[in-house]
Amino acid sequence: MDAFKVGDNAVYPGHGVGKVISIDTKEILGQKKTFYTIQIIDSGMKIMVPLDNVKSVGLRPIISSLEAAQVLDILKMTEVKIDNQTWNRRYREYMEKIKTGSVFEIAAVLRDLFLLKVDKELSFGERKMLDTARGLLMKELSLATTQEELSKDEVKAIFGI
């Protein structure tokens, strides 16, 4: 895992893209610990992540443009089998995928919810999850790709905006 520098973008699972605004050392219970302070771009929330917990919380750099292309491929897949389990079971399963912080898992959830939406009305929780997944992906995709690689029309077509 590469160390982050002040000003770097980082993805905090479940909250989205943030910017490293400082790296501080604090003494806690007699031990010195170094923290990244990350401000989440969309909400303004500040999160302090101890350097030795970076891996366990899933903090990661934003995806590369190559990975962004893979995400777009996942979103464009329409020949996928949607699990016909009850909405609350599906909701729990999708929530677990979102919590992993994996952009590919989030893309799969977003795609599945969009495909499901075509066939039937989504529950309130599923609609909220669709918005969450869309928000998490859009911010990261916009930072991971240049305008030439990702046209606004393509995004609108994929996300149904």
Protein backbone atom coordinates (compact mmCIF):
# COMPACT_ATOMS: atom_id res chain seq x y z
CA MET A 1 0.00 0.00 0.00
CA ASP A 2 1.45 3.32 -1.05
CA ALA A 3 1.41 6.02 1.57
CA PHE A 4 -0.90 8.95 0.92
CA LYS A 5 0.33 12.52 0.86
CA VAL A 6 -1.59 15.65 1.82
CA GLY A 7 -3.76 16.59 -1.16
CA ASP A 8 -4.16 13.00 -2.43
CA ASN A 9 -7.60 11.60 -3.15
CA ALA A 10 -8.51 8.44 -1.26
CA VAL A 11 -11.61 6.25 -1.18
CA TYR A 12 -13.08 5.38 2.23
CA PRO A 13 -15.51 2.44 1.83
CA GLY A 14 -19.14 3.38 2.33
CA HIS A 15 -18.43 7.13 2.34
CA GLY A 16 -16.76 7.66 -1.01
CA VAL A 17 -13.93 9.84 -2.23
CA GLY A 18 -12.14 12.12 0.17
CA LYS A 19 -9.05 14.28 0.14
CA VAL A 20 -6.19 13.78 2.59
CA ILE A 21 -6.13 17.15 4.35
CA SER A 22 -3.47 16.41 6.97
CA ILE A 23 -1.21 13.76 8.46
CA ASP A 24 -0.97 14.21 12.22
CA THR A 25 0.67 12.42 15.11
CA LYS A 26 -1.25 12.30 18.38
CA GLU A 27 -0.52 10.65 21.68
CA ILE A 28 -3.26 8.25 22.72
CA LEU A 29 -2.96 6.27 25.96
CA GLY A 30 0.75 7.01 26.09
CA GLN A 31 1.41 5.82 22.53
CA LYS A 32 2.16 8.02 19.57
CA LYS A 33 -0.06 7.27 16.58
CA THR A 34 -0.03 8.84 13.15
CA PHE A 35 -3.35 9.54 11.43
CA TYR A 36 -4.56 10.55 8.01
CA THR A 37 -7.30 13.15 8.29
CA ILE A 38 -9.57 12.71 5.29
CA GLN A 39 -12.37 15.04 4.32
CA ILE A 40 -15.10 13.31 2.33
CA ILE A 41 -15.79 15.43 -0.74
CA ASP A 42 -19.58 14.98 -0.94
CA SER A 43 -20.50 15.29 2.74
CA GLY A 44 -17.63 17.36 4.15
CA MET A 45 -17.29 14.76 6.94
CA LYS A 46 -13.80 14.41 8.40
CA ILE A 47 -12.46 10.96 9.20
CA MET A 48 -9.24 10.17 11.04
CA VAL A 49 -7.63 6.89 10.02
CA PRO A 50 -4.60 5.57 11.93
CA LEU A 51 -1.82 4.66 9.48
CA ASP A 52 -1.68 1.13 10.91
CA ASN A 53 -5.43 0.67 10.21
CA VAL A 54 -5.42 1.80 6.57
CA LYS A 55 -5.64 -1.75 5.22
CA SER A 56 -8.24 -2.98 7.71
CA VAL A 57 -10.66 -0.09 7.02
CA GLY A 58 -10.14 -0.46 3.26
CA LEU A 59 -8.79 3.02 2.55
CA ARG A 60 -7.46 2.99 -1.01
CA PRO A 61 -6.39 5.27 -3.85
CA ILE A 62 -8.93 6.07 -6.56
CA ILE A 63 -9.09 3.64 -9.46
CA SER A 64 -6.96 3.93 -12.59
CA SER A 65 -8.47 4.83 -15.96
CA LEU A 66 -8.05 1.16 -16.96
CA GLU A 67 -10.10 0.06 -13.94
CA ALA A 68 -12.65 2.77 -14.77
CA ALA A 69 -13.07 1.19 -18.22
CA GLN A 70 -13.69 -2.18 -16.51
CA VAL A 71 -16.33 -0.55 -14.30
CA LEU A 72 -18.08 0.84 -17.37
CA ASP A 73 -18.04 -2.65 -18.90
CA ILE A 74 -19.70 -4.05 -15.76
CA LEU A 75 -22.36 -1.34 -15.92
CA LYS A 76 -23.09 -2.04 -19.59
CA MET A 77 -23.73 -5.75 -19.03
CA THR A 78 -27.43 -6.45 -19.36
CA GLU A 79 -27.39 -10.23 -19.67
CA VAL A 80 -27.07 -10.93 -15.96
CA LYS A 81 -29.27 -13.09 -13.81
CA ILE A 82 -30.84 -11.11 -11.01
CA ASP A 83 -31.40 -13.09 -7.85
CA ASN A 84 -35.14 -13.42 -7.20
CA GLN A 85 -34.83 -13.55 -3.43
CA THR A 86 -36.86 -11.32 -1.13
CA TRP A 87 -36.00 -7.63 -1.27
CA ASN A 88 -34.64 -7.53 2.31
CA ARG A 89 -32.30 -10.47 1.68
CA ARG A 90 -31.12 -8.87 -1.57
CA TYR A 91 -30.73 -5.55 0.28
CA ARG A 92 -28.43 -7.14 2.90
CA GLU A 93 -26.38 -8.86 0.20
CA TYR A 94 -25.99 -5.62 -1.79
CA MET A 95 -25.11 -3.66 1.37
CA GLU A 96 -22.27 -6.10 2.09
CA LYS A 97 -20.94 -5.55 -1.43
CA ILE A 98 -21.06 -1.76 -1.04
CA LYS A 99 -19.28 -1.95 2.32
CA THR A 100 -16.32 -3.77 0.72
CA GLY A 101 -15.44 -0.50 -0.99
CA SER A 102 -14.67 -2.40 -4.19
CA VAL A 103 -15.62 -0.23 -7.13
CA PHE A 104 -16.40 -3.42 -9.11
CA GLU A 105 -18.82 -4.71 -6.43
CA ILE A 106 -20.52 -1.30 -6.25
CA ALA A 107 -20.84 -1.23 -10.05
CA ALA A 108 -22.44 -4.69 -10.00
CA VAL A 109 -24.94 -3.58 -7.33
CA LEU A 110 -25.82 -0.46 -9.31
CA ARG A 111 -26.26 -2.44 -12.52
CA ASP A 112 -28.40 -5.09 -10.79
CA LEU A 113 -30.65 -2.49 -9.16
CA PHE A 114 -31.12 -0.69 -12.47
CA LEU A 115 -32.03 -3.94 -14.21
CA LEU A 116 -34.38 -4.84 -11.36
CA LYS A 117 -36.00 -1.40 -11.56
CA VAL A 118 -37.04 -2.14 -15.17
CA ASP A 119 -39.09 -5.17 -14.06
CA LYS A 120 -40.57 -3.96 -10.80
CA GLU A 121 -40.87 -1.17 -8.28
CA LEU A 122 -37.85 -0.98 -5.97
CA SER A 123 -38.40 -0.83 -2.22
CA PHE A 124 -37.55 2.43 -0.45
CA GLY A 125 -34.30 0.87 0.84
CA GLU A 126 -33.32 -0.32 -2.63
CA ARG A 127 -33.99 3.13 -4.15
CA LYS A 128 -31.83 4.72 -1.44
CA MET A 129 -29.11 2.12 -2.08
CA LEU A 130 -29.28 2.82 -5.82
CA ASP A 131 -28.66 6.52 -5.12
CA THR A 132 -25.81 5.68 -2.73
CA ALA A 133 -24.11 3.34 -5.22
CA ARG A 134 -24.57 5.89 -8.02
CA GLY A 135 -23.04 8.66 -5.90
CA LEU A 136 -20.07 6.57 -4.80
CA LEU A 137 -19.31 5.49 -8.36
CA MET A 138 -19.89 8.81 -10.12
CA LYS A 139 -17.41 10.74 -7.98
CA GLU A 140 -14.70 8.13 -8.37
CA LEU A 141 -15.29 7.63 -12.10
CA SER A 142 -15.17 11.37 -12.71
CA LEU A 143 -11.78 11.59 -10.94
CA ALA A 144 -10.41 8.42 -12.56
CA THR A 145 -11.17 9.35 -16.15
CA THR A 146 -10.57 12.34 -18.33
CA GLN A 147 -13.46 14.02 -20.14
CA GLU A 148 -12.32 12.47 -23.41
CA GLU A 149 -12.53 8.95 -21.97
CA LEU A 150 -15.92 9.35 -20.33
CA SER A 151 -18.50 11.46 -22.08
CA LYS A 152 -21.38 12.95 -20.13
CA ASP A 153 -23.82 11.28 -22.53
CA GLU A 154 -22.26 7.89 -21.82
CA VAL A 155 -22.64 8.44 -18.08
CA LYS A 156 -26.24 9.58 -18.51
CA ALA A 157 -27.04 6.54 -20.63
CA ILE A 158 -25.51 4.16 -18.12
CA PHE A 159 -26.95 5.74 -14.98
CA GLY A 160 -30.32 6.71 -16.38
CA ILE A 161 -29.86 10.32 -15.29
